[in-house]
Amino acid sequence: MNTKTFLLAQIHRTKLDCEKCLDCLFDLMSQALIRTDSAEIDWHLMNDLVVDDILLIIVLTDVDLAINFNEIVLREAVKYVMASSRELQH
């Protein structure tokens, strides 16, 4: 499965289930992921990083997100997105 597509779908699903005040956060997360080259994501996967960590790296290193949100908020947003994906798998 394409990891980038999977992560974008998870962010989108999470956005649909959350309060509207978080739309900007999830939109910026999606944009950061879209700007990330698939080869970079694959490189992280080949180096034994899990999808949670890959999304966290992308989110924490994105300039737009770093300007608008505190690191703690970004970490919690990634946890929330990934927890939502685990709920769907069960």
N, C-alpha and C. Protein backbone atom coordinates (compact mmCIF):
# COMPACT_ATOMS: atom_id res chain seq x y z
N MET A 1 0.85 -1.18 0.00
CA MET A 1 0.00 0.00 0.00
C MET A 1 0.89 1.24 0.00
N ASN A 2 0.48 2.23 -0.69
CA ASN A 2 1.23 3.47 -0.77
C ASN A 2 1.10 4.22 0.57
N THR A 3 2.22 4.37 1.24
CA THR A 3 2.23 4.97 2.57
C THR A 3 1.73 6.41 2.56
N LYS A 4 2.13 7.16 1.56
CA LYS A 4 1.72 8.56 1.48
C LYS A 4 0.20 8.66 1.34
N THR A 5 -0.38 7.84 0.49
CA THR A 5 -1.83 7.84 0.29
C THR A 5 -2.54 7.41 1.57
N PHE A 6 -2.00 6.40 2.22
CA PHE A 6 -2.57 5.92 3.48
C PHE A 6 -2.59 7.04 4.52
N LEU A 7 -1.47 7.74 4.67
CA LEU A 7 -1.39 8.81 5.67
C LEU A 7 -2.33 9.97 5.33
N LEU A 8 -2.40 10.31 4.05
CA LEU A 8 -3.33 11.37 3.64
C LEU A 8 -4.77 11.00 3.95
N ALA A 9 -5.12 9.74 3.69
CA ALA A 9 -6.47 9.27 3.99
C ALA A 9 -6.75 9.33 5.49
N GLN A 10 -5.76 8.97 6.30
CA GLN A 10 -5.94 8.99 7.75
C GLN A 10 -6.14 10.42 8.26
N ILE A 11 -5.36 11.35 7.73
CA ILE A 11 -5.51 12.75 8.13
C ILE A 11 -6.90 13.24 7.73
N HIS A 12 -7.31 12.90 6.52
CA HIS A 12 -8.63 13.33 6.03
C HIS A 12 -9.75 12.76 6.90
N ARG A 13 -9.69 11.48 7.24
CA ARG A 13 -10.71 10.86 8.09
C ARG A 13 -10.74 11.52 9.47
N THR A 14 -9.56 11.78 10.00
CA THR A 14 -9.48 12.41 11.32
C THR A 14 -10.09 13.81 11.27
N LYS A 15 -9.80 14.54 10.20
CA LYS A 15 -10.34 15.89 10.04
C LYS A 15 -11.87 15.86 10.02
N LEU A 16 -12.44 14.87 9.35
CA LEU A 16 -13.89 14.77 9.27
C LEU A 16 -14.54 14.48 10.63
N ASP A 17 -13.80 13.81 11.51
CA ASP A 17 -14.33 13.42 12.82
C ASP A 17 -14.05 14.44 13.92
N CYS A 18 -13.34 15.52 13.61
CA CYS A 18 -12.93 16.48 14.64
C CYS A 18 -13.71 17.78 14.56
N GLU A 19 -13.48 18.57 15.56
CA GLU A 19 -14.07 19.91 15.60
C GLU A 19 -13.52 20.74 14.45
N LYS A 20 -14.33 21.65 13.96
CA LYS A 20 -13.94 22.50 12.82
C LYS A 20 -12.76 23.40 13.16
N CYS A 21 -12.55 23.70 14.42
CA CYS A 21 -11.43 24.57 14.80
C CYS A 21 -10.07 23.92 14.52
N LEU A 22 -10.05 22.61 14.29
CA LEU A 22 -8.80 21.91 13.99
C LEU A 22 -8.57 21.73 12.49
N ASP A 23 -9.48 22.21 11.67
CA ASP A 23 -9.34 22.05 10.22
C ASP A 23 -8.02 22.60 9.69
N CYS A 24 -7.62 23.76 10.15
CA CYS A 24 -6.37 24.38 9.69
C CYS A 24 -5.18 23.47 9.99
N LEU A 25 -5.14 22.91 11.17
CA LEU A 25 -4.05 22.01 11.56
C LEU A 25 -3.99 20.81 10.61
N PHE A 26 -5.11 20.16 10.39
CA PHE A 26 -5.11 18.97 9.54
C PHE A 26 -4.88 19.32 8.07
N ASP A 27 -5.32 20.49 7.64
CA ASP A 27 -5.04 20.93 6.27
C ASP A 27 -3.54 21.14 6.08
N LEU A 28 -2.90 21.78 7.04
CA LEU A 28 -1.46 22.01 6.95
C LEU A 28 -0.68 20.69 7.03
N MET A 29 -1.17 19.75 7.82
CA MET A 29 -0.53 18.43 7.88
C MET A 29 -0.61 17.74 6.53
N SER A 30 -1.78 17.81 5.90
CA SER A 30 -1.96 17.22 4.57
C SER A 30 -1.03 17.86 3.55
N GLN A 31 -0.95 19.18 3.58
CA GLN A 31 -0.09 19.90 2.64
C GLN A 31 1.37 19.54 2.84
N ALA A 32 1.79 19.41 4.09
CA ALA A 32 3.18 19.02 4.38
C ALA A 32 3.46 17.63 3.82
N LEU A 33 2.52 16.73 3.98
CA LEU A 33 2.68 15.37 3.47
C LEU A 33 2.71 15.35 1.94
N ILE A 34 1.86 16.15 1.32
CA ILE A 34 1.82 16.22 -0.15
C ILE A 34 3.15 16.74 -0.69
N ARG A 35 3.75 17.71 0.00
CA ARG A 35 5.03 18.29 -0.44
C ARG A 35 6.20 17.32 -0.25
N THR A 36 6.02 16.30 0.57
CA THR A 36 7.09 15.35 0.84
C THR A 36 7.18 14.34 -0.30
N ASP A 37 8.37 14.15 -0.79
CA ASP A 37 8.60 13.21 -1.89
C ASP A 37 8.37 11.77 -1.40
N SER A 38 7.71 10.98 -2.22
CA SER A 38 7.45 9.57 -1.87
C SER A 38 8.75 8.81 -1.66
N ALA A 39 9.80 9.17 -2.37
CA ALA A 39 11.10 8.51 -2.21
C ALA A 39 11.65 8.73 -0.80
N GLU A 40 11.41 9.90 -0.24
CA GLU A 40 11.85 10.18 1.13
C GLU A 40 11.10 9.29 2.13
N ILE A 41 9.80 9.15 1.92
CA ILE A 41 8.99 8.28 2.78
C ILE A 41 9.48 6.84 2.67
N ASP A 42 9.73 6.39 1.44
CA ASP A 42 10.24 5.03 1.22
C ASP A 42 11.59 4.82 1.90
N TRP A 43 12.44 5.85 1.84
CA TRP A 43 13.75 5.76 2.47
C TRP A 43 13.59 5.52 3.98
N HIS A 44 12.67 6.28 4.60
CA HIS A 44 12.41 6.09 6.03
C HIS A 44 11.89 4.68 6.31
N LEU A 45 11.03 4.17 5.46
CA LEU A 45 10.50 2.82 5.65
C LEU A 45 11.61 1.78 5.54
N MET A 46 12.50 1.96 4.58
CA MET A 46 13.61 1.01 4.41
C MET A 46 14.58 1.05 5.58
N ASN A 47 14.57 2.16 6.32
CA ASN A 47 15.43 2.29 7.49
C ASN A 47 14.67 1.99 8.78
N ASP A 48 13.62 1.18 8.63
CA ASP A 48 12.87 0.61 9.76
C ASP A 48 12.10 1.61 10.62
N LEU A 49 11.73 2.75 10.06
CA LEU A 49 10.84 3.66 10.78
C LEU A 49 9.41 3.23 10.53
N VAL A 50 8.57 3.38 11.53
CA VAL A 50 7.15 3.06 11.37
C VAL A 50 6.42 4.30 10.87
N VAL A 51 5.22 4.11 10.34
CA VAL A 51 4.47 5.21 9.75
C VAL A 51 4.24 6.35 10.74
N ASP A 52 4.01 6.03 11.99
CA ASP A 52 3.81 7.06 13.01
C ASP A 52 5.02 8.01 13.06
N ASP A 53 6.22 7.41 13.10
CA ASP A 53 7.43 8.21 13.17
C ASP A 53 7.66 9.03 11.91
N ILE A 54 7.33 8.45 10.77
CA ILE A 54 7.49 9.16 9.50
C ILE A 54 6.59 10.39 9.47
N LEU A 55 5.34 10.22 9.86
CA LEU A 55 4.43 11.36 9.89
C LEU A 55 4.92 12.41 10.88
N LEU A 56 5.41 11.98 12.02
CA LEU A 56 5.92 12.91 13.02
C LEU A 56 7.10 13.71 12.47
N ILE A 57 8.02 13.06 11.80
CA ILE A 57 9.17 13.76 11.21
C ILE A 57 8.70 14.80 10.19
N ILE A 58 7.78 14.40 9.34
CA ILE A 58 7.27 15.31 8.31
C ILE A 58 6.61 16.53 8.95
N VAL A 59 5.78 16.28 9.94
CA VAL A 59 5.04 17.36 10.60
C VAL A 59 5.97 18.29 11.38
N LEU A 60 6.92 17.73 12.11
CA LEU A 60 7.80 18.56 12.93
C LEU A 60 8.79 19.37 12.10
N THR A 61 9.10 18.91 10.90
CA THR A 61 10.07 19.64 10.07
C THR A 61 9.43 20.57 9.05
N ASP A 62 8.10 20.62 9.02
CA ASP A 62 7.42 21.51 8.08
C ASP A 62 7.39 22.93 8.63
N VAL A 63 7.83 23.88 7.81
CA VAL A 63 7.93 25.27 8.25
C VAL A 63 6.56 25.86 8.57
N ASP A 64 5.57 25.64 7.71
CA ASP A 64 4.24 26.21 7.95
C ASP A 64 3.64 25.72 9.26
N LEU A 65 3.79 24.44 9.53
CA LEU A 65 3.26 23.90 10.78
C LEU A 65 4.05 24.43 11.98
N ALA A 66 5.37 24.51 11.85
CA ALA A 66 6.20 24.99 12.96
C ALA A 66 5.91 26.44 13.30
N ILE A 67 5.58 27.23 12.30
CA ILE A 67 5.26 28.64 12.54
C ILE A 67 3.92 28.78 13.26
N ASN A 68 2.96 27.95 12.89
CA ASN A 68 1.60 28.09 13.40
C ASN A 68 1.27 27.30 14.65
N PHE A 69 2.05 26.24 14.91
CA PHE A 69 1.69 25.36 16.02
C PHE A 69 2.91 24.99 16.85
N ASN A 70 2.69 24.83 18.12
CA ASN A 70 3.68 24.40 19.08
C ASN A 70 4.03 22.92 18.83
N GLU A 71 5.24 22.53 19.15
CA GLU A 71 5.70 21.14 18.94
C GLU A 71 4.81 20.13 19.69
N ILE A 72 4.36 20.48 20.85
CA ILE A 72 3.51 19.57 21.64
C ILE A 72 2.18 19.33 20.92
N VAL A 73 1.61 20.39 20.38
CA VAL A 73 0.35 20.29 19.63
C VAL A 73 0.56 19.38 18.42
N LEU A 74 1.67 19.54 17.73
CA LEU A 74 1.95 18.73 16.55
C LEU A 74 2.13 17.26 16.91
N ARG A 75 2.84 17.00 18.00
CA ARG A 75 3.01 15.60 18.44
C ARG A 75 1.68 14.97 18.79
N GLU A 76 0.85 15.71 19.50
CA GLU A 76 -0.47 15.18 19.89
C GLU A 76 -1.36 14.97 18.67
N ALA A 77 -1.26 15.85 17.69
CA ALA A 77 -2.05 15.69 16.46
C ALA A 77 -1.66 14.42 15.73
N VAL A 78 -0.37 14.14 15.65
CA VAL A 78 0.10 12.90 15.00
C VAL A 78 -0.40 11.69 15.78
N LYS A 79 -0.30 11.73 17.10
CA LYS A 79 -0.80 10.62 17.93
C LYS A 79 -2.29 10.39 17.68
N TYR A 80 -3.04 11.48 17.60
CA TYR A 80 -4.49 11.39 17.39
C TYR A 80 -4.81 10.78 16.03
N VAL A 81 -4.11 11.22 14.98
CA VAL A 81 -4.32 10.68 13.63
C VAL A 81 -4.01 9.19 13.62
N MET A 82 -2.91 8.80 14.21
CA MET A 82 -2.51 7.39 14.18
C MET A 82 -3.41 6.53 15.07
N ALA A 83 -3.89 7.09 16.17
CA ALA A 83 -4.82 6.34 17.03
C ALA A 83 -6.13 6.11 16.28
N SER A 84 -6.56 7.09 15.51
CA SER A 84 -7.77 6.94 14.70
C SER A 84 -7.61 5.81 13.69
N SER A 85 -6.43 5.70 13.12
CA SER A 85 -6.20 4.64 12.13
C SER A 85 -6.22 3.27 12.80
N ARG A 86 -5.72 3.18 14.01
CA ARG A 86 -5.73 1.89 14.71
C ARG A 86 -7.15 1.46 15.08
N GLU A 87 -7.99 2.44 15.43
CA GLU A 87 -9.38 2.13 15.73
C GLU A 87 -10.09 1.55 14.52
N LEU A 88 -9.79 2.07 13.34
CA LEU A 88 -10.41 1.58 12.11
C LEU A 88 -9.95 0.17 11.77
N GLN A 89 -8.72 -0.17 12.13
CA GLN A 89 -8.19 -1.49 11.79
C GLN A 89 -8.80 -2.59 12.66
N HIS A 90 -9.34 -2.22 13.84
CA HIS A 90 -9.90 -3.25 14.74
C HIS A 90 -11.35 -3.42 14.51
